[in-house]
Amino acid sequence: MTPAALKAAAGAAESVALIEVTNLARALEAMDEAGVRTVGAAGEAGQSLYELDLRGPTAWVLGAEGSGLRRLTRERCDVLARIPLRGQVESLNVSVAAGICLFETVRQRAHTPDRPGPA
């Protein structure tokens, strides 16, 4: 993490587990072997992230701003999901997209049958 990234994280980098990998393909394979489902965020995906069950072990895979996920990375993901956008917005900043994906994951996990959330 660069000093600029740490500053932009406003302290969150110290409370969230961050893992750097040198080979994304191998990391995705290791997650698959460990039973972690990988969900690639892709604007052209057929299903919305709101249609997915995100309560189990899940790793979000987000691509570069502009170009998105690389083809091989996209193929290694278990499922692709899009963030529904309205109007003329075609894509989001990767940090905004990550926030939306993680928020939906946390929201679903807070409302499981064994831990019902507020009505």
PDB file of N, CA and C in Angstrom:
ATOM      1  N   MET A   1       0.841  -1.180   0.000  1.00  0.00           N
ATOM      2  CA  MET A   1       0.000   0.000   0.000  1.00  0.00           C
ATOM      3  C   MET A   1       0.886   1.242   0.000  1.00  0.00           C
ATOM      4  N   THR A   2       0.605   2.108  -0.912  1.00  0.00           N
ATOM      5  CA  THR A   2       1.348   3.359  -0.979  1.00  0.00           C
ATOM      6  C   THR A   2       0.847   4.315   0.095  1.00  0.00           C
ATOM      7  N   PRO A   3       1.657   5.302   0.467  1.00  0.00           N
ATOM      8  CA  PRO A   3       1.184   6.283   1.453  1.00  0.00           C
ATOM      9  C   PRO A   3      -0.099   6.991   0.992  1.00  0.00           C
ATOM     10  N   ALA A   4      -0.224   7.269  -0.278  1.00  0.00           N
ATOM     11  CA  ALA A   4      -1.434   7.928  -0.789  1.00  0.00           C
ATOM     12  C   ALA A   4      -2.657   7.029  -0.624  1.00  0.00           C
ATOM     13  N   ALA A   5      -2.500   5.735  -0.889  1.00  0.00           N
ATOM     14  CA  ALA A   5      -3.616   4.797  -0.738  1.00  0.00           C
ATOM     15  C   ALA A   5      -4.015   4.664   0.724  1.00  0.00           C
ATOM     16  N   LEU A   6      -3.036   4.613   1.615  1.00  0.00           N
ATOM     17  CA  LEU A   6      -3.330   4.523   3.041  1.00  0.00           C
ATOM     18  C   LEU A   6      -4.075   5.758   3.530  1.00  0.00           C
ATOM     19  N   LYS A   7      -3.668   6.926   3.044  1.00  0.00           N
ATOM     20  CA  LYS A   7      -4.345   8.160   3.432  1.00  0.00           C
ATOM     21  C   LYS A   7      -5.774   8.171   2.911  1.00  0.00           C
ATOM     22  N   ALA A   8      -5.967   7.754   1.671  1.00  0.00           N
ATOM     23  CA  ALA A   8      -7.307   7.731   1.077  1.00  0.00           C
ATOM     24  C   ALA A   8      -8.219   6.739   1.794  1.00  0.00           C
ATOM     25  N   ALA A   9      -7.648   5.679   2.348  1.00  0.00           N
ATOM     26  CA  ALA A   9      -8.440   4.668   3.053  1.00  0.00           C
ATOM     27  C   ALA A   9      -8.965   5.167   4.393  1.00  0.00           C
ATOM     28  N   ALA A  10      -8.440   6.281   4.862  1.00  0.00           N
ATOM     29  CA  ALA A  10      -8.902   6.914   6.101  1.00  0.00           C
ATOM     30  C   ALA A  10      -8.972   5.942   7.277  1.00  0.00           C
ATOM     31  N   GLY A  11      -7.956   5.109   7.432  1.00  0.00           N
ATOM     32  CA  GLY A  11      -7.894   4.186   8.564  1.00  0.00           C
ATOM     33  C   GLY A  11      -8.467   2.808   8.300  1.00  0.00           C
ATOM     34  N   ALA A  12      -9.245   2.649   7.239  1.00  0.00           N
ATOM     35  CA  ALA A  12      -9.873   1.346   6.966  1.00  0.00           C
ATOM     36  C   ALA A  12      -8.843   0.271   6.636  1.00  0.00           C
ATOM     37  N   ALA A  13      -7.714   0.646   6.051  1.00  0.00           N
ATOM     38  CA  ALA A  13      -6.692  -0.340   5.687  1.00  0.00           C
ATOM     39  C   ALA A  13      -6.113  -1.031   6.915  1.00  0.00           C
ATOM     40  N   GLU A  14      -6.228  -0.398   8.064  1.00  0.00           N
ATOM     41  CA  GLU A  14      -5.711  -0.984   9.295  1.00  0.00           C
ATOM     42  C   GLU A  14      -6.701  -1.941   9.952  1.00  0.00           C
ATOM     43  N   SER A  15      -7.958  -1.920   9.510  1.00  0.00           N
ATOM     44  CA  SER A  15      -8.961  -2.772  10.138  1.00  0.00           C
ATOM     45  C   SER A  15      -9.528  -3.835   9.200  1.00  0.00           C
ATOM     46  N   VAL A  16      -9.051  -3.870   7.972  1.00  0.00           N
ATOM     47  CA  VAL A  16      -9.524  -4.838   6.978  1.00  0.00           C
ATOM     48  C   VAL A  16      -8.324  -5.658   6.512  1.00  0.00           C
ATOM     49  N   ALA A  17      -8.517  -6.966   6.387  1.00  0.00           N
ATOM     50  CA  ALA A  17      -7.434  -7.826   5.922  1.00  0.00           C
ATOM     51  C   ALA A  17      -7.180  -7.563   4.439  1.00  0.00           C
ATOM     52  N   LEU A  18      -5.987  -7.136   4.111  1.00  0.00           N
ATOM     53  CA  LEU A  18      -5.582  -6.900   2.722  1.00  0.00           C
ATOM     54  C   LEU A  18      -4.503  -7.908   2.360  1.00  0.00           C
ATOM     55  N   ILE A  19      -4.668  -8.551   1.220  1.00  0.00           N
ATOM     56  CA  ILE A  19      -3.709  -9.557   0.790  1.00  0.00           C
ATOM     57  C   ILE A  19      -3.250  -9.219  -0.612  1.00  0.00           C
ATOM     58  N   GLU A  20      -1.949  -9.061  -0.795  1.00  0.00           N
ATOM     59  CA  GLU A  20      -1.398  -8.830  -2.127  1.00  0.00           C
ATOM     60  C   GLU A  20      -0.947 -10.166  -2.701  1.00  0.00           C
ATOM     61  N   VAL A  21      -1.207 -10.373  -3.984  1.00  0.00           N
ATOM     62  CA  VAL A  21      -0.775 -11.594  -4.651  1.00  0.00           C
ATOM     63  C   VAL A  21       0.042 -11.214  -5.873  1.00  0.00           C
ATOM     64  N   THR A  22       0.995 -12.067  -6.217  1.00  0.00           N
ATOM     65  CA  THR A  22       1.810 -11.793  -7.402  1.00  0.00           C
ATOM     66  C   THR A  22       1.218 -12.435  -8.650  1.00  0.00           C
ATOM     67  N   ASN A  23       0.408 -13.475  -8.461  1.00  0.00           N
ATOM     68  CA  ASN A  23      -0.192 -14.156  -9.601  1.00  0.00           C
ATOM     69  C   ASN A  23      -1.683 -14.338  -9.329  1.00  0.00           C
ATOM     70  N   LEU A  24      -2.499 -13.530  -9.993  1.00  0.00           N
ATOM     71  CA  LEU A  24      -3.937 -13.553  -9.736  1.00  0.00           C
ATOM     72  C   LEU A  24      -4.560 -14.888 -10.115  1.00  0.00           C
ATOM     73  N   ALA A  25      -4.125 -15.494 -11.214  1.00  0.00           N
ATOM     74  CA  ALA A  25      -4.687 -16.782 -11.644  1.00  0.00           C
ATOM     75  C   ALA A  25      -4.483 -17.842 -10.565  1.00  0.00           C
ATOM     76  N   ARG A  26      -3.280 -17.894  -9.984  1.00  0.00           N
ATOM     77  CA  ARG A  26      -3.006 -18.868  -8.924  1.00  0.00           C
ATOM     78  C   ARG A  26      -3.809 -18.557  -7.669  1.00  0.00           C
ATOM     79  N   ALA A  27      -3.967 -17.282  -7.369  1.00  0.00           N
ATOM     80  CA  ALA A  27      -4.747 -16.900  -6.191  1.00  0.00           C
ATOM     81  C   ALA A  27      -6.212 -17.298  -6.369  1.00  0.00           C
ATOM     82  N   LEU A  28      -6.767 -17.106  -7.551  1.00  0.00           N
ATOM     83  CA  LEU A  28      -8.148 -17.510  -7.810  1.00  0.00           C
ATOM     84  C   LEU A  28      -8.295 -19.023  -7.711  1.00  0.00           C
ATOM     85  N   GLU A  29      -7.306 -19.738  -8.189  1.00  0.00           N
ATOM     86  CA  GLU A  29      -7.320 -21.204  -8.105  1.00  0.00           C
ATOM     87  C   GLU A  29      -7.268 -21.652  -6.647  1.00  0.00           C
ATOM     88  N   ALA A  30      -6.431 -21.012  -5.851  1.00  0.00           N
ATOM     89  CA  ALA A  30      -6.313 -21.363  -4.431  1.00  0.00           C
ATOM     90  C   ALA A  30      -7.621 -21.078  -3.689  1.00  0.00           C
ATOM     91  N   MET A  31      -8.276 -19.977  -4.037  1.00  0.00           N
ATOM     92  CA  MET A  31      -9.562 -19.681  -3.403  1.00  0.00           C
ATOM     93  C   MET A  31     -10.603 -20.717  -3.778  1.00  0.00           C
ATOM     94  N   ASP A  32     -10.598 -21.145  -5.031  1.00  0.00           N
ATOM     95  CA  ASP A  32     -11.525 -22.181  -5.480  1.00  0.00           C
ATOM     96  C   ASP A  32     -11.300 -23.468  -4.685  1.00  0.00           C
ATOM     97  N   GLU A  33     -10.047 -23.855  -4.522  1.00  0.00           N
ATOM     98  CA  GLU A  33      -9.712 -25.066  -3.770  1.00  0.00           C
ATOM     99  C   GLU A  33     -10.114 -24.949  -2.305  1.00  0.00           C
ATOM    100  N   ALA A  34     -10.127 -23.714  -1.787  1.00  0.00           N
ATOM    101  CA  ALA A  34     -10.500 -23.490  -0.383  1.00  0.00           C
ATOM    102  C   ALA A  34     -12.012 -23.332  -0.212  1.00  0.00           C
ATOM    103  N   GLY A  35     -12.774 -23.441  -1.302  1.00  0.00           N
ATOM    104  CA  GLY A  35     -14.221 -23.335  -1.208  1.00  0.00           C
ATOM    105  C   GLY A  35     -14.765 -21.918  -1.223  1.00  0.00           C
ATOM    106  N   VAL A  36     -13.965 -20.996  -1.694  1.00  0.00           N
ATOM    107  CA  VAL A  36     -14.395 -19.599  -1.786  1.00  0.00           C
ATOM    108  C   VAL A  36     -14.894 -19.344  -3.203  1.00  0.00           C
ATOM    109  N   ARG A  37     -16.120 -18.872  -3.326  1.00  0.00           N
ATOM    110  CA  ARG A  37     -16.678 -18.567  -4.645  1.00  0.00           C
ATOM    111  C   ARG A  37     -16.177 -17.202  -5.089  1.00  0.00           C
ATOM    112  N   THR A  38     -15.712 -17.115  -6.324  1.00  0.00           N
ATOM    113  CA  THR A  38     -15.229 -15.851  -6.851  1.00  0.00           C
ATOM    114  C   THR A  38     -16.284 -15.235  -7.755  1.00  0.00           C
ATOM    115  N   VAL A  39     -16.594 -13.978  -7.467  1.00  0.00           N
ATOM    116  CA  VAL A  39     -17.593 -13.238  -8.227  1.00  0.00           C
ATOM    117  C   VAL A  39     -16.886 -12.078  -8.918  1.00  0.00           C
ATOM    118  N   GLY A  40     -16.910 -12.085 -10.235  1.00  0.00           N
ATOM    119  CA  GLY A  40     -16.307 -11.013 -11.012  1.00  0.00           C
ATOM    120  C   GLY A  40     -17.328  -9.929 -11.291  1.00  0.00           C
ATOM    121  N   ALA A  41     -16.965  -8.690 -11.023  1.00  0.00           N
ATOM    122  CA  ALA A  41     -17.849  -7.563 -11.325  1.00  0.00           C
ATOM    123  C   ALA A  41     -17.627  -7.179 -12.784  1.00  0.00           C
ATOM    124  N   ALA A  42     -18.683  -7.304 -13.581  1.00  0.00           N
ATOM    125  CA  ALA A  42     -18.584  -7.022 -15.015  1.00  0.00           C
ATOM    126  C   ALA A  42     -19.881  -6.390 -15.499  1.00  0.00           C
ATOM    127  N   GLY A  43     -19.776  -5.235 -16.114  1.00  0.00           N
ATOM    128  CA  GLY A  43     -20.946  -4.497 -16.553  1.00  0.00           C
ATOM    129  C   GLY A  43     -21.830  -5.235 -17.533  1.00  0.00           C
ATOM    130  N   GLU A  44     -21.255  -6.155 -18.303  1.00  0.00           N
ATOM    131  CA  GLU A  44     -22.027  -6.887 -19.309  1.00  0.00           C
ATOM    132  C   GLU A  44     -22.592  -8.207 -18.784  1.00  0.00           C
ATOM    133  N   ALA A  45     -22.411  -8.495 -17.509  1.00  0.00           N
ATOM    134  CA  ALA A  45     -22.906  -9.751 -16.930  1.00  0.00           C
ATOM    135  C   ALA A  45     -24.420  -9.828 -17.048  1.00  0.00           C
ATOM    136  N   GLY A  46     -24.929 -11.034 -17.189  1.00  0.00           N
ATOM    137  CA  GLY A  46     -26.359 -11.241 -17.341  1.00  0.00           C
ATOM    138  C   GLY A  46     -27.164 -11.044 -16.071  1.00  0.00           C
ATOM    139  N   GLN A  47     -26.538 -11.214 -14.914  1.00  0.00           N
ATOM    140  CA  GLN A  47     -27.286 -11.080 -13.661  1.00  0.00           C
ATOM    141  C   GLN A  47     -26.719  -9.953 -12.799  1.00  0.00           C
ATOM    142  N   SER A  48     -27.590  -9.406 -12.005  1.00  0.00           N
ATOM    143  CA  SER A  48     -27.237  -8.328 -11.099  1.00  0.00           C
ATOM    144  C   SER A  48     -26.650  -8.906  -9.817  1.00  0.00           C
ATOM    145  N   LEU A  49     -25.814  -8.143  -9.138  1.00  0.00           N
ATOM    146  CA  LEU A  49     -25.282  -8.613  -7.851  1.00  0.00           C
ATOM    147  C   LEU A  49     -26.405  -8.829  -6.852  1.00  0.00           C
ATOM    148  N   TYR A  50     -27.550  -8.171  -7.035  1.00  0.00           N
ATOM    149  CA  TYR A  50     -28.677  -8.328  -6.123  1.00  0.00           C
ATOM    150  C   TYR A  50     -29.401  -9.664  -6.331  1.00  0.00           C
ATOM    151  N   GLU A  51     -29.109 -10.348  -7.412  1.00  0.00           N
ATOM    152  CA  GLU A  51     -29.706 -11.657  -7.679  1.00  0.00           C
ATOM    153  C   GLU A  51     -28.873 -12.799  -7.103  1.00  0.00           C
ATOM    154  N   LEU A  52     -27.677 -12.513  -6.640  1.00  0.00           N
ATOM    155  CA  LEU A  52     -26.774 -13.540  -6.123  1.00  0.00           C
ATOM    156  C   LEU A  52     -26.975 -13.768  -4.635  1.00  0.00           C
ATOM    157  N   ASP A  53     -26.715 -14.992  -4.199  1.00  0.00           N
ATOM    158  CA  ASP A  53     -26.659 -15.303  -2.775  1.00  0.00           C
ATOM    159  C   ASP A  53     -25.202 -15.123  -2.357  1.00  0.00           C
ATOM    160  N   LEU A  54     -24.924 -14.101  -1.593  1.00  0.00           N
ATOM    161  CA  LEU A  54     -23.555 -13.746  -1.207  1.00  0.00           C
ATOM    162  C   LEU A  54     -23.241 -14.096   0.242  1.00  0.00           C
ATOM    163  N   ARG A  55     -24.060 -14.987   0.829  1.00  0.00           N
ATOM    164  CA  ARG A  55     -23.889 -15.291   2.254  1.00  0.00           C
ATOM    165  C   ARG A  55     -22.746 -16.250   2.549  1.00  0.00           C
ATOM    166  N   GLY A  56     -22.316 -17.032   1.557  1.00  0.00           N
ATOM    167  CA  GLY A  56     -21.219 -17.967   1.784  1.00  0.00           C
ATOM    168  C   GLY A  56     -19.874 -17.312   1.542  1.00  0.00           C
ATOM    169  N   PRO A  57     -18.802 -18.094   1.670  1.00  0.00           N
ATOM    170  CA  PRO A  57     -17.457 -17.555   1.409  1.00  0.00           C
ATOM    171  C   PRO A  57     -17.366 -17.013  -0.014  1.00  0.00           C
ATOM    172  N   THR A  58     -17.103 -15.725  -0.126  1.00  0.00           N
ATOM    173  CA  THR A  58     -17.121 -15.045  -1.418  1.00  0.00           C
ATOM    174  C   THR A  58     -15.938 -14.102  -1.527  1.00  0.00           C
ATOM    175  N   ALA A  59     -15.319 -14.094  -2.697  1.00  0.00           N
ATOM    176  CA  ALA A  59     -14.269 -13.123  -3.006  1.00  0.00           C
ATOM    177  C   ALA A  59     -14.716 -12.333  -4.231  1.00  0.00           C
ATOM    178  N   TRP A  60     -14.734 -11.027  -4.121  1.00  0.00           N
ATOM    179  CA  TRP A  60     -15.061 -10.169  -5.250  1.00  0.00           C
ATOM    180  C   TRP A  60     -13.812  -9.912  -6.072  1.00  0.00           C
ATOM    181  N   VAL A  61     -13.958  -9.969  -7.391  1.00  0.00           N
ATOM    182  CA  VAL A  61     -12.849  -9.691  -8.307  1.00  0.00           C
ATOM    183  C   VAL A  61     -13.269  -8.503  -9.163  1.00  0.00           C
ATOM    184  N   LEU A  62     -12.530  -7.421  -9.051  1.00  0.00           N
ATOM    185  CA  LEU A  62     -12.841  -6.206  -9.806  1.00  0.00           C
ATOM    186  C   LEU A  62     -11.683  -5.867 -10.721  1.00  0.00           C
ATOM    187  N   GLY A  63     -12.002  -5.392 -11.892  1.00  0.00           N
ATOM    188  CA  GLY A  63     -10.979  -5.089 -12.879  1.00  0.00           C
ATOM    189  C   GLY A  63     -10.527  -3.648 -12.821  1.00  0.00           C
ATOM    190  N   ALA A  64      -9.697  -3.323 -13.773  1.00  0.00           N
ATOM    191  CA  ALA A  64      -9.175  -1.967 -13.874  1.00  0.00           C
ATOM    192  C   ALA A  64     -10.278  -1.011 -14.320  1.00  0.00           C
ATOM    193  N   GLU A  65     -10.171   0.225 -13.880  1.00  0.00           N
ATOM    194  CA  GLU A  65     -11.134   1.229 -14.314  1.00  0.00           C
ATOM    195  C   GLU A  65     -10.995   1.411 -15.818  1.00  0.00           C
ATOM    196  N   GLY A  66     -12.100   1.401 -16.503  1.00  0.00           N
ATOM    197  CA  GLY A  66     -12.084   1.558 -17.957  1.00  0.00           C
ATOM    198  C   GLY A  66     -12.117   0.227 -18.676  1.00  0.00           C
ATOM    199  N   SER A  67     -11.066  -0.578 -18.524  1.00  0.00           N
ATOM    200  CA  SER A  67     -10.973  -1.836 -19.272  1.00  0.00           C
ATOM    201  C   SER A  67     -11.650  -3.009 -18.566  1.00  0.00           C
ATOM    202  N   GLY A  68     -11.875  -2.907 -17.271  1.00  0.00           N
ATOM    203  CA  GLY A  68     -12.544  -3.979 -16.543  1.00  0.00           C
ATOM    204  C   GLY A  68     -11.675  -5.199 -16.336  1.00  0.00           C
ATOM    205  N   LEU A  69     -12.330  -6.359 -16.203  1.00  0.00           N
ATOM    206  CA  LEU A  69     -11.617  -7.616 -15.975  1.00  0.00           C
ATOM    207  C   LEU A  69     -10.939  -8.090 -17.258  1.00  0.00           C
ATOM    208  N   ARG A  70      -9.757  -8.618 -17.121  1.00  0.00           N
ATOM    209  CA  ARG A  70      -9.094  -9.249 -18.268  1.00  0.00           C
ATOM    210  C   ARG A  70      -9.831 -10.539 -18.617  1.00  0.00           C
ATOM    211  N   ARG A  71      -9.725 -10.951 -19.861  1.00  0.00           N
ATOM    212  CA  ARG A  71     -10.458 -12.125 -20.338  1.00  0.00           C
ATOM    213  C   ARG A  71     -10.169 -13.358 -19.497  1.00  0.00           C
ATOM    214  N   LEU A  72      -8.905 -13.669 -19.249  1.00  0.00           N
ATOM    215  CA  LEU A  72      -8.578 -14.880 -18.485  1.00  0.00           C
ATOM    216  C   LEU A  72      -9.055 -14.784 -17.038  1.00  0.00           C
ATOM    217  N   THR A  73      -8.991 -13.607 -16.464  1.00  0.00           N
ATOM    218  CA  THR A  73      -9.490 -13.421 -15.099  1.00  0.00           C
ATOM    219  C   THR A  73     -10.991 -13.650 -15.083  1.00  0.00           C
ATOM    220  N   ARG A  74     -11.688 -13.073 -16.043  1.00  0.00           N
ATOM    221  CA  ARG A  74     -13.142 -13.240 -16.158  1.00  0.00           C
ATOM    222  C   ARG A  74     -13.506 -14.720 -16.270  1.00  0.00           C
ATOM    223  N   GLU A  75     -12.746 -15.476 -17.064  1.00  0.00           N
ATOM    224  CA  GLU A  75     -13.022 -16.899 -17.261  1.00  0.00           C
ATOM    225  C   GLU A  75     -12.773 -17.721 -16.009  1.00  0.00           C
ATOM    226  N   ARG A  76     -11.882 -17.268 -15.140  1.00  0.00           N
ATOM    227  CA  ARG A  76     -11.574 -18.008 -13.914  1.00  0.00           C
ATOM    228  C   ARG A  76     -12.567 -17.742 -12.791  1.00  0.00           C
ATOM    229  N   CYS A  77     -13.367 -16.690 -12.918  1.00  0.00           N
ATOM    230  CA  CYS A  77     -14.375 -16.399 -11.894  1.00  0.00           C
ATOM    231  C   CYS A  77     -15.498 -17.424 -11.971  1.00  0.00           C
ATOM    232  N   ASP A  78     -16.059 -17.766 -10.824  1.00  0.00           N
ATOM    233  CA  ASP A  78     -17.174 -18.713 -10.785  1.00  0.00           C
ATOM    234  C   ASP A  78     -18.431 -18.123 -11.399  1.00  0.00           C
ATOM    235  N   VAL A  79     -18.639 -16.828 -11.186  1.00  0.00           N
ATOM    236  CA  VAL A  79     -19.834 -16.159 -11.700  1.00  0.00           C
ATOM    237  C   VAL A  79     -19.491 -14.686 -11.934  1.00  0.00           C
ATOM    238  N   LEU A  80     -20.196 -14.089 -12.881  1.00  0.00           N
ATOM    239  CA  LEU A  80     -20.061 -12.658 -13.132  1.00  0.00           C
ATOM    240  C   LEU A  80     -21.360 -11.968 -12.733  1.00  0.00           C
ATOM    241  N   ALA A  81     -21.239 -10.766 -12.207  1.00  0.00           N
ATOM    242  CA  ALA A  81     -22.418 -10.000 -11.805  1.00  0.00           C
ATOM    243  C   ALA A  81     -22.176  -8.532 -12.131  1.00  0.00           C
ATOM    244  N   ARG A  82     -23.262  -7.850 -12.431  1.00  0.00           N
ATOM    245  CA  ARG A  82     -23.166  -6.428 -12.750  1.00  0.00           C
ATOM    246  C   ARG A  82     -23.855  -5.615 -11.670  1.00  0.00           C
ATOM    247  N   ILE A  83     -23.439  -4.368 -11.567  1.00  0.00           N
ATOM    248  CA  ILE A  83     -24.116  -3.400 -10.719  1.00  0.00           C
ATOM    249  C   ILE A  83     -25.086  -2.666 -11.640  1.00  0.00           C
ATOM    250  N   PRO A  84     -26.388  -2.758 -11.378  1.00  0.00           N
ATOM    251  CA  PRO A  84     -27.340  -2.080 -12.259  1.00  0.00           C
ATOM    252  C   PRO A  84     -27.138  -0.562 -12.219  1.00  0.00           C
ATOM    253  N   LEU A  85     -27.033   0.041 -13.376  1.00  0.00           N
ATOM    254  CA  LEU A  85     -26.837   1.489 -13.474  1.00  0.00           C
ATOM    255  C   LEU A  85     -28.002   2.101 -14.251  1.00  0.00           C
ATOM    256  N   ARG A  86     -28.321   3.297 -13.927  1.00  0.00           N
ATOM    257  CA  ARG A  86     -29.414   3.998 -14.602  1.00  0.00           C
ATOM    258  C   ARG A  86     -28.858   5.236 -15.315  1.00  0.00           C
ATOM    259  N   GLY A  87     -29.625   5.726 -16.250  1.00  0.00           N
ATOM    260  CA  GLY A  87     -29.236   6.948 -16.943  1.00  0.00           C
ATOM    261  C   GLY A  87     -28.065   6.720 -17.874  1.00  0.00           C
ATOM    262  N   GLN A  88     -27.216   7.718 -17.976  1.00  0.00           N
ATOM    263  CA  GLN A  88     -26.112   7.650 -18.926  1.00  0.00           C
ATOM    264  C   GLN A  88     -24.809   7.172 -18.308  1.00  0.00           C
ATOM    265  N   VAL A  89     -24.833   6.789 -17.056  1.00  0.00           N
ATOM    266  CA  VAL A  89     -23.631   6.274 -16.402  1.00  0.00           C
ATOM    267  C   VAL A  89     -23.356   4.873 -16.947  1.00  0.00           C
ATOM    268  N   GLU A  90     -22.164   4.664 -17.499  1.00  0.00           N
ATOM    269  CA  GLU A  90     -21.818   3.364 -18.078  1.00  0.00           C
ATOM    270  C   GLU A  90     -20.935   2.533 -17.169  1.00  0.00           C
ATOM    271  N   SER A  91     -20.174   3.180 -16.294  1.00  0.00           N
ATOM    272  CA  SER A  91     -19.303   2.436 -15.389  1.00  0.00           C
ATOM    273  C   SER A  91     -19.031   3.293 -14.156  1.00  0.00           C
ATOM    274  N   LEU A  92     -18.461   2.643 -13.151  1.00  0.00           N
ATOM    275  CA  LEU A  92     -18.160   3.311 -11.892  1.00  0.00           C
ATOM    276  C   LEU A  92     -16.669   3.252 -11.612  1.00  0.00           C
ATOM    277  N   ASN A  93     -16.201   4.170 -10.798  1.00  0.00           N
ATOM    278  CA  ASN A  93     -14.854   4.117 -10.271  1.00  0.00           C
ATOM    279  C   ASN A  93     -14.720   2.803  -9.509  1.00  0.00           C
ATOM    280  N   VAL A  94     -13.565   2.137  -9.601  1.00  0.00           N
ATOM    281  CA  VAL A  94     -13.417   0.807  -9.001  1.00  0.00           C
ATOM    282  C   VAL A  94     -13.625   0.834  -7.487  1.00  0.00           C
ATOM    283  N   SER A  95     -13.253   1.921  -6.829  1.00  0.00           N
ATOM    284  CA  SER A  95     -13.470   1.975  -5.377  1.00  0.00           C
ATOM    285  C   SER A  95     -14.957   2.083  -5.055  1.00  0.00           C
ATOM    286  N   VAL A  96     -15.711   2.799  -5.868  1.00  0.00           N
ATOM    287  CA  VAL A  96     -17.157   2.905  -5.671  1.00  0.00           C
ATOM    288  C   VAL A  96     -17.804   1.545  -5.929  1.00  0.00           C
ATOM    289  N   ALA A  97     -17.401   0.892  -7.013  1.00  0.00           N
ATOM    290  CA  ALA A  97     -17.936  -0.440  -7.330  1.00  0.00           C
ATOM    291  C   ALA A  97     -17.637  -1.416  -6.199  1.00  0.00           C
ATOM    292  N   ALA A  98     -16.418  -1.384  -5.676  1.00  0.00           N
ATOM    293  CA  ALA A  98     -16.055  -2.275  -4.570  1.00  0.00           C
ATOM    294  C   ALA A  98     -16.934  -2.004  -3.356  1.00  0.00           C
ATOM    295  N   GLY A  99     -17.173  -0.748  -3.050  1.00  0.00           N
ATOM    296  CA  GLY A  99     -18.022  -0.401  -1.915  1.00  0.00           C
ATOM    297  C   GLY A  99     -19.432  -0.936  -2.072  1.00  0.00           C
ATOM    298  N   ILE A 100     -19.990  -0.828  -3.266  1.00  0.00           N
ATOM    299  CA  ILE A 100     -21.344  -1.329  -3.517  1.00  0.00           C
ATOM    300  C   ILE A 100     -21.381  -2.851  -3.376  1.00  0.00           C
ATOM    301  N   CYS A 101     -20.411  -3.529  -3.969  1.00  0.00           N
ATOM    302  CA  CYS A 101     -20.370  -5.000  -3.902  1.00  0.00           C
ATOM    303  C   CYS A 101     -20.210  -5.485  -2.467  1.00  0.00           C
ATOM    304  N   LEU A 102     -19.326  -4.863  -1.726  1.00  0.00           N
ATOM    305  CA  LEU A 102     -19.102  -5.272  -0.342  1.00  0.00           C
ATOM    306  C   LEU A 102     -20.288  -4.928   0.544  1.00  0.00           C
ATOM    307  N   PHE A 103     -20.925  -3.778   0.305  1.00  0.00           N
ATOM    308  CA  PHE A 103     -22.104  -3.415   1.081  1.00  0.00           C
ATOM    309  C   PHE A 103     -23.210  -4.441   0.886  1.00  0.00           C
ATOM    310  N   GLU A 104     -23.446  -4.859  -0.365  1.00  0.00           N
ATOM    311  CA  GLU A 104     -24.500  -5.852  -0.618  1.00  0.00           C
ATOM    312  C   GLU A 104     -24.159  -7.183   0.044  1.00  0.00           C
ATOM    313  N   THR A 105     -22.889  -7.546   0.041  1.00  0.00           N
ATOM    314  CA  THR A 105     -22.475  -8.786   0.702  1.00  0.00           C
ATOM    315  C   THR A 105     -22.758  -8.715   2.197  1.00  0.00           C
ATOM    316  N   VAL A 106     -22.377  -7.625   2.834  1.00  0.00           N
ATOM    317  CA  VAL A 106     -22.614  -7.447   4.268  1.00  0.00           C
ATOM    318  C   VAL A 106     -24.112  -7.385   4.554  1.00  0.00           C
ATOM    319  N   ARG A 107     -24.867  -6.691   3.711  1.00  0.00           N
ATOM    320  CA  ARG A 107     -26.319  -6.587   3.912  1.00  0.00           C
ATOM    321  C   ARG A 107     -26.971  -7.960   3.908  1.00  0.00           C
ATOM    322  N   GLN A 108     -26.590  -8.795   2.919  1.00  0.00           N
ATOM    323  CA  GLN A 108     -27.171 -10.142   2.858  1.00  0.00           C
ATOM    324  C   GLN A 108     -26.776 -10.972   4.068  1.00  0.00           C
ATOM    325  N   ARG A 109     -25.564 -10.862   4.503  1.00  0.00           N
ATOM    326  CA  ARG A 109     -25.106 -11.668   5.637  1.00  0.00           C
ATOM    327  C   ARG A 109     -25.751 -11.231   6.940  1.00  0.00           C
ATOM    328  N   ALA A 110     -26.144  -9.979   7.023  1.00  0.00           N
ATOM    329  CA  ALA A 110     -26.811  -9.485   8.228  1.00  0.00           C
ATOM    330  C   ALA A 110     -28.263  -9.926   8.286  1.00  0.00           C
ATOM    331  N   HIS A 111     -28.826 -10.382   7.163  1.00  0.00           N
ATOM    332  CA  HIS A 111     -30.238 -10.751   7.087  1.00  0.00           C
ATOM    333  C   HIS A 111     -30.422 -12.223   6.781  1.00  0.00           C
ATOM    334  N   THR A 112     -29.591 -13.078   7.325  1.00  0.00           N
ATOM    335  CA  THR A 112     -29.757 -14.509   7.136  1.00  0.00           C
ATOM    336  C   THR A 112     -30.874 -14.991   8.051  1.00  0.00           C
ATOM    337  N   PRO A 113     -31.495 -16.144   7.733  1.00  0.00           N
ATOM    338  CA  PRO A 113     -32.603 -16.643   8.566  1.00  0.00           C
ATOM    339  C   PRO A 113     -32.224 -16.810  10.040  1.00  0.00           C
ATOM    340  N   ASP A 114     -30.966 -17.167  10.320  1.00  0.00           N
ATOM    341  CA  ASP A 114     -30.568 -17.347  11.710  1.00  0.00           C
ATOM    342  C   ASP A 114     -30.200 -16.028  12.388  1.00  0.00           C
ATOM    343  N   ARG A 115     -30.046 -14.960  11.596  1.00  0.00           N
ATOM    344  CA  ARG A 115     -29.753 -13.637  12.140  1.00  0.00           C
ATOM    345  C   ARG A 115     -30.589 -12.592  11.410  1.00  0.00           C
ATOM    346  N   PRO A 116     -31.885 -12.576  11.649  1.00  0.00           N
ATOM    347  CA  PRO A 116     -32.726 -11.612  10.925  1.00  0.00           C
ATOM    348  C   PRO A 116     -32.348 -10.189  11.272  1.00  0.00           C
ATOM    349  N   GLY A 117     -32.342  -9.353  10.262  1.00  0.00           N
ATOM    350  CA  GLY A 117     -32.031  -7.940  10.452  1.00  0.00           C
ATOM    351  C   GLY A 117     -33.289  -7.147  10.737  1.00  0.00           C
ATOM    352  N   PRO A 118     -33.150  -5.839  10.791  1.00  0.00           N
ATOM    353  CA  PRO A 118     -34.320  -5.001  11.065  1.00  0.00           C
ATOM    354  C   PRO A 118     -35.327  -5.087   9.931  1.00  0.00           C
ATOM    355  N   ALA A 119     -36.596  -4.971  10.268  1.00  0.00           N
ATOM    356  CA  ALA A 119     -37.668  -5.056   9.277  1.00  0.00           C
ATOM    357  C   ALA A 119     -37.747  -3.807   8.447  1.00  0.00           C
TER     358      ALA A 119
END
